[in-house]
Amino acid sequence: MSNKDYENQILEWRARKYDGLVRENGWLALAGLFWLKKGRNLVGSNPMCEIALPERAPTFLGIIELKGRTVRLQVAQGVRVEINGKLAQKAILKSSKDAKPSFITWDDMRMVLHEHAERYAIRIWDNQRNERYSLPSLKWFPINKHFRVNARYTRYPDAKISDQPDTFGDMVEDQMDGYVTFNFERKKYKLDVTETKDHKLFIKFKDLTSGKETYPASRYYYTEPVKDGKVILDFNFSYSPPCAFTEYATCIFAPPQNHLPFRVEAGEIYKG
């Protein structure tokens, strides 16, 4: 790949990252995250509701009931709600971790049952939020091939579960499927990773720019698919997690073993 093609590839990816933040039902359309209590949770724009919708929503949209690990929705009479594109008055909700989550829509608002650390919440998108239209351009380090290195992926015989910090200051369990090893400036390093269904590797990492030029808690990075145990680590594609842009994200951050002892001057800069 020529230098020009490589640069264009990164610039196009950066444009997609910005679009993912501001598009319809993107991160900046998020308008709420409400943790469910056991039993009945009222949904609507009435301030007394446990799940508070924006003012233009119905005063009372319905009830979401949490019983054990089952979450049910009962829509209020006269309110038109769709679940995954079909009108519905009641449903057992599938969470965001399910292959086909139950997306609830009213007008251009959307809700989903969100699962994090074995707890359930209702996440709300409101596509009329001003934040979608006021985000300035993202800021990036100059493209630098010095931070593009060859690596080897080793899958653990059995996936490891490790405690990692999250948005709320808690330690939560996350799965590490294997690790990558690579050489950088004549030293060898190792990072624990999670493998996706299409054999890409998801890496959460910190480095000596964290809390200075980059997001303090972590940056994220997805590799290209692994081929015969080989993969390229290109930190020019690293980016700030969603919680850098919205208080309604539930991010998990890099474990201690993924703290790199050098400056990764590539990828997204955090403006705070």
Protein backbone atom coordinates (compact mmCIF):
# COMPACT_ATOMS: atom_id res chain seq x y z
CA MET A 1 0.00 0.00 0.00
CA SER A 2 1.39 3.41 -0.98
CA ASN A 3 1.78 6.15 1.63
CA LYS A 4 -1.04 8.08 -0.02
CA ASP A 5 -3.40 5.10 0.05
CA TYR A 6 -2.49 4.45 3.68
CA GLU A 7 -3.14 8.07 4.62
CA ASN A 8 -6.49 8.06 2.78
CA GLN A 9 -7.51 4.86 4.57
CA ILE A 10 -6.92 6.48 7.96
CA LEU A 11 -8.65 9.73 6.99
CA GLU A 12 -11.72 7.82 5.80
CA TRP A 13 -11.76 5.85 9.06
CA ARG A 14 -11.56 9.08 11.06
CA ALA A 15 -14.57 10.43 9.18
CA ARG A 16 -16.51 7.27 10.05
CA LYS A 17 -15.59 7.66 13.74
CA TYR A 18 -17.04 11.18 13.74
CA ASP A 19 -20.19 9.99 11.97
CA GLY A 20 -20.62 7.23 14.54
CA LEU A 21 -20.82 9.89 17.25
CA VAL A 22 -23.28 12.27 15.57
CA ARG A 23 -25.45 10.05 13.36
CA GLU A 24 -29.04 9.13 14.14
CA ASN A 25 -29.06 6.83 17.19
CA GLY A 26 -25.34 7.48 17.61
CA TRP A 27 -23.49 8.14 20.84
CA LEU A 28 -24.40 11.84 21.01
CA ALA A 29 -28.09 11.05 20.59
CA LEU A 30 -28.04 9.27 23.95
CA ALA A 31 -30.38 11.03 26.36
CA GLY A 32 -30.50 8.81 29.41
CA LEU A 33 -29.44 5.66 31.22
CA PHE A 34 -31.79 4.50 33.98
CA TRP A 35 -31.00 1.49 36.15
CA LEU A 36 -34.00 -0.71 36.76
CA LYS A 37 -35.23 -1.46 40.27
CA LYS A 38 -36.92 -4.76 41.02
CA GLY A 39 -40.58 -4.73 40.16
CA ARG A 40 -42.41 -2.00 38.27
CA ASN A 41 -40.60 0.96 36.66
CA LEU A 42 -42.80 3.68 35.16
CA VAL A 43 -41.75 5.09 31.77
CA GLY A 44 -42.74 8.56 30.57
CA SER A 45 -42.06 12.30 30.57
CA ASN A 46 -43.72 12.77 33.97
CA PRO A 47 -40.87 13.59 36.41
CA MET A 48 -42.27 10.98 38.81
CA CYS A 49 -41.41 8.19 36.36
CA GLU A 50 -38.37 6.05 37.18
CA ILE A 51 -37.44 6.11 33.47
CA ALA A 52 -37.72 9.79 32.56
CA LEU A 53 -38.22 10.54 28.88
CA PRO A 54 -37.77 13.94 27.19
CA GLU A 55 -40.68 16.37 27.63
CA ARG A 56 -42.22 15.77 24.19
CA ALA A 57 -42.75 12.07 24.97
CA PRO A 58 -46.06 10.80 26.41
CA THR A 59 -46.58 11.62 30.08
CA PHE A 60 -46.95 7.89 30.68
CA LEU A 61 -45.62 5.55 27.99
CA GLY A 62 -45.82 2.31 29.92
CA ILE A 63 -44.35 0.05 32.58
CA ILE A 64 -41.14 -1.97 32.51
CA GLU A 65 -41.09 -4.75 35.09
CA LEU A 66 -37.93 -6.48 36.28
CA LYS A 67 -38.51 -9.90 37.82
CA GLY A 68 -35.43 -12.05 38.29
CA ARG A 69 -33.64 -12.05 34.94
CA THR A 70 -36.82 -11.32 32.97
CA VAL A 71 -37.78 -7.81 31.87
CA ARG A 72 -41.29 -7.13 30.52
CA LEU A 73 -42.74 -4.07 28.82
CA GLN A 74 -46.42 -3.14 29.01
CA VAL A 75 -47.31 -0.14 26.85
CA ALA A 76 -49.94 2.33 28.08
CA GLN A 77 -53.32 2.31 26.37
CA GLY A 78 -53.48 4.63 23.37
CA VAL A 79 -49.68 4.91 22.97
CA ARG A 80 -48.22 3.64 19.70
CA VAL A 81 -44.87 1.96 20.26
CA GLU A 82 -42.86 -0.24 17.91
CA ILE A 83 -40.47 -3.00 18.90
CA ASN A 84 -37.98 -3.77 16.16
CA GLY A 85 -40.25 -2.08 13.64
CA LYS A 86 -43.55 -3.73 14.62
CA LEU A 87 -46.39 -2.25 16.67
CA ALA A 88 -46.56 -3.87 20.11
CA GLN A 89 -48.44 -3.45 23.37
CA LYS A 90 -46.35 -5.84 25.43
CA ALA A 91 -43.15 -7.82 25.14
CA ILE A 92 -40.40 -9.65 26.99
CA LEU A 93 -37.35 -7.52 26.29
CA LYS A 94 -34.06 -8.87 24.98
CA SER A 95 -31.01 -6.95 26.14
CA SER A 96 -28.20 -5.22 24.27
CA LYS A 97 -26.07 -8.35 24.77
CA ASP A 98 -28.56 -10.48 22.84
CA ALA A 99 -28.00 -11.18 19.15
CA LYS A 100 -31.29 -9.37 18.41
CA PRO A 101 -31.99 -6.75 21.11
CA SER A 102 -35.50 -5.36 21.56
CA PHE A 103 -35.36 -1.79 20.23
CA ILE A 104 -38.38 0.20 21.42
CA THR A 105 -39.26 3.28 19.37
CA TRP A 106 -41.70 6.12 19.82
CA ASP A 107 -41.50 8.91 17.22
CA ASP A 108 -37.72 9.38 16.75
CA MET A 109 -36.83 8.27 20.27
CA ARG A 110 -35.39 4.83 20.82
CA MET A 111 -34.86 2.70 23.92
CA VAL A 112 -33.15 -0.60 24.62
CA LEU A 113 -32.63 -2.84 27.62
CA HIS A 114 -28.94 -2.32 28.40
CA GLU A 115 -26.97 -4.93 30.35
CA HIS A 116 -23.76 -4.04 32.19
CA ALA A 117 -22.02 -5.95 34.98
CA GLU A 118 -25.08 -8.17 35.49
CA ARG A 119 -27.34 -5.15 35.99
CA TYR A 120 -30.14 -3.91 33.73
CA ALA A 121 -30.83 -0.35 32.63
CA ILE A 122 -32.93 1.36 29.98
CA ARG A 123 -30.82 3.35 27.54
CA ILE A 124 -32.57 6.16 25.64
CA TRP A 125 -31.72 7.89 22.36
CA ASP A 126 -33.33 11.20 21.40
CA ASN A 127 -32.39 12.18 17.87
CA GLN A 128 -33.44 15.80 18.40
CA ARG A 129 -30.65 16.42 20.93
CA ASN A 130 -28.56 19.52 20.16
CA GLU A 131 -25.36 17.62 20.96
CA ARG A 132 -25.65 15.80 17.64
CA TYR A 133 -25.17 19.06 15.75
CA SER A 134 -22.58 20.85 17.89
CA LEU A 135 -19.64 18.43 18.11
CA PRO A 136 -16.43 20.05 16.82
CA SER A 137 -13.99 18.13 14.67
CA LEU A 138 -12.08 15.38 16.44
CA LYS A 139 -8.39 15.94 17.08
CA TRP A 140 -5.69 13.46 16.08
CA PHE A 141 -1.96 12.93 16.30
CA PRO A 142 -0.21 13.17 12.90
CA ILE A 143 -0.26 9.86 11.05
CA ASN A 144 2.92 8.03 12.06
CA LYS A 145 3.94 4.63 10.65
CA HIS A 146 6.37 4.24 13.56
CA PHE A 147 3.32 3.07 15.52
CA ARG A 148 2.38 0.40 12.98
CA VAL A 149 4.08 -2.86 14.02
CA ASN A 150 3.85 -6.57 13.32
CA ALA A 151 2.49 -8.71 16.13
CA ARG A 152 1.63 -12.30 16.92
CA TYR A 153 -1.65 -13.42 18.46
CA THR A 154 -1.81 -16.32 20.90
CA ARG A 155 -5.21 -17.58 22.00
CA TYR A 156 -5.49 -18.70 25.61
CA PRO A 157 -6.44 -22.40 25.98
CA ASP A 158 -9.40 -21.14 27.99
CA ALA A 159 -10.58 -17.54 27.93
CA LYS A 160 -9.58 -15.63 31.05
CA ILE A 161 -11.98 -13.51 33.09
CA SER A 162 -10.27 -10.53 34.70
CA ASP A 163 -11.46 -7.63 36.83
CA GLN A 164 -11.24 -4.31 35.00
CA PRO A 165 -12.31 -0.76 35.94
CA ASP A 166 -15.45 0.73 34.43
CA THR A 167 -17.07 4.13 33.98
CA PHE A 168 -18.53 4.12 37.49
CA GLY A 169 -15.30 3.36 39.32
CA ASP A 170 -16.27 -0.27 39.89
CA MET A 171 -14.32 -3.38 38.99
CA VAL A 172 -16.23 -5.57 36.55
CA GLU A 173 -15.44 -8.85 34.86
CA ASP A 174 -14.35 -8.87 31.23
CA GLN A 175 -13.20 -11.69 29.00
CA MET A 176 -9.67 -11.89 27.61
CA ASP A 177 -9.42 -14.44 24.80
CA GLY A 178 -5.69 -14.21 24.22
CA TYR A 179 -2.76 -11.85 23.90
CA VAL A 180 -0.60 -10.17 21.30
CA THR A 181 3.16 -9.82 21.53
CA PHE A 182 5.15 -7.24 19.59
CA ASN A 183 8.51 -5.50 19.52
CA PHE A 184 8.77 -1.74 19.79
CA GLU A 185 12.08 0.12 19.88
CA ARG A 186 13.95 -3.13 20.59
CA LYS A 187 11.78 -4.19 23.52
CA LYS A 188 9.06 -6.84 23.64
CA TYR A 189 5.55 -6.08 24.92
CA LYS A 190 2.34 -8.02 25.54
CA LEU A 191 -1.31 -6.91 25.53
CA ASP A 192 -4.37 -8.95 26.53
CA VAL A 193 -7.11 -8.84 23.90
CA THR A 194 -10.68 -9.90 23.20
CA GLU A 195 -11.34 -11.71 19.91
CA THR A 196 -14.46 -10.82 17.91
CA LYS A 197 -16.55 -13.26 15.87
CA ASP A 198 -14.81 -12.09 12.69
CA HIS A 199 -11.38 -12.65 14.31
CA LYS A 200 -10.52 -9.04 14.84
CA LEU A 201 -8.86 -8.20 18.15
CA PHE A 202 -10.25 -5.58 20.52
CA ILE A 203 -7.56 -3.93 22.65
CA LYS A 204 -7.99 -1.57 25.60
CA PHE A 205 -4.72 0.12 26.49
CA LYS A 206 -3.11 2.98 28.36
CA ASP A 207 0.27 4.60 27.70
CA LEU A 208 2.31 7.58 28.84
CA THR A 209 0.06 10.01 26.93
CA SER A 210 -2.99 8.89 28.97
CA GLY A 211 -4.31 11.77 31.06
CA LYS A 212 -2.16 14.22 29.12
CA GLU A 213 -2.89 14.26 25.39
CA THR A 214 -5.25 11.26 25.40
CA TYR A 215 -8.27 10.05 27.34
CA PRO A 216 -7.12 9.29 30.90
CA ALA A 217 -8.75 5.91 31.49
CA SER A 218 -7.97 4.13 28.21
CA ARG A 219 -8.02 4.16 24.49
CA TYR A 220 -9.65 1.51 22.30
CA TYR A 221 -8.42 -0.18 19.15
CA TYR A 222 -9.68 -2.91 16.79
CA THR A 223 -7.17 -4.73 14.60
CA GLU A 224 -7.82 -6.23 11.20
CA PRO A 225 -8.63 -9.98 11.26
CA VAL A 226 -5.84 -12.28 12.43
CA LYS A 227 -4.25 -14.44 9.71
CA ASP A 228 -2.29 -17.54 10.74
CA GLY A 229 -1.58 -16.02 14.13
CA LYS A 230 -0.19 -12.84 12.59
CA VAL A 231 -1.70 -9.38 12.95
CA ILE A 232 -0.62 -5.77 12.49
CA LEU A 233 -0.99 -3.37 15.40
CA ASP A 234 -1.58 0.11 14.02
CA PHE A 235 -2.13 2.58 16.85
CA ASN A 236 -3.04 5.28 14.31
CA PHE A 237 -6.49 3.65 14.51
CA SER A 238 -6.79 4.03 18.29
CA TYR A 239 -9.59 6.22 19.63
CA SER A 240 -11.26 7.56 22.76
CA PRO A 241 -14.01 5.36 24.25
CA PRO A 242 -17.65 6.54 23.99
CA CYS A 243 -17.69 7.72 27.61
CA ALA A 244 -15.32 10.52 26.52
CA PHE A 245 -18.35 12.03 24.76
CA THR A 246 -21.41 11.02 26.78
CA GLU A 247 -22.24 10.31 30.41
CA TYR A 248 -24.65 7.60 29.28
CA ALA A 249 -22.01 5.14 28.04
CA THR A 250 -20.87 2.19 30.15
CA CYS A 251 -17.21 1.72 29.26
CA ILE A 252 -14.75 -0.85 30.55
CA PHE A 253 -11.12 0.28 30.66
CA ALA A 254 -7.69 -1.25 30.22
CA PRO A 255 -6.53 -3.79 32.79
CA PRO A 256 -3.20 -3.08 34.55
CA GLN A 257 -1.32 -5.50 32.28
CA ASN A 258 -2.28 -3.34 29.27
CA HIS A 259 -0.46 -0.23 30.47
CA LEU A 260 2.36 0.49 28.01
CA PRO A 261 5.46 2.22 29.46
CA PHE A 262 6.00 4.52 26.46
CA ARG A 263 4.19 7.31 24.63
CA VAL A 264 1.86 6.19 21.85
CA GLU A 265 1.74 9.42 19.85
CA ALA A 266 -0.81 8.11 17.37
CA GLY A 267 -4.57 8.00 17.14
CA GLU A 268 -7.12 10.26 18.81
CA ILE A 269 -6.25 13.17 21.09
CA TYR A 270 -8.68 13.90 23.92
CA LYS A 271 -9.73 17.54 24.20
CA GLY A 272 -11.57 17.22 27.52
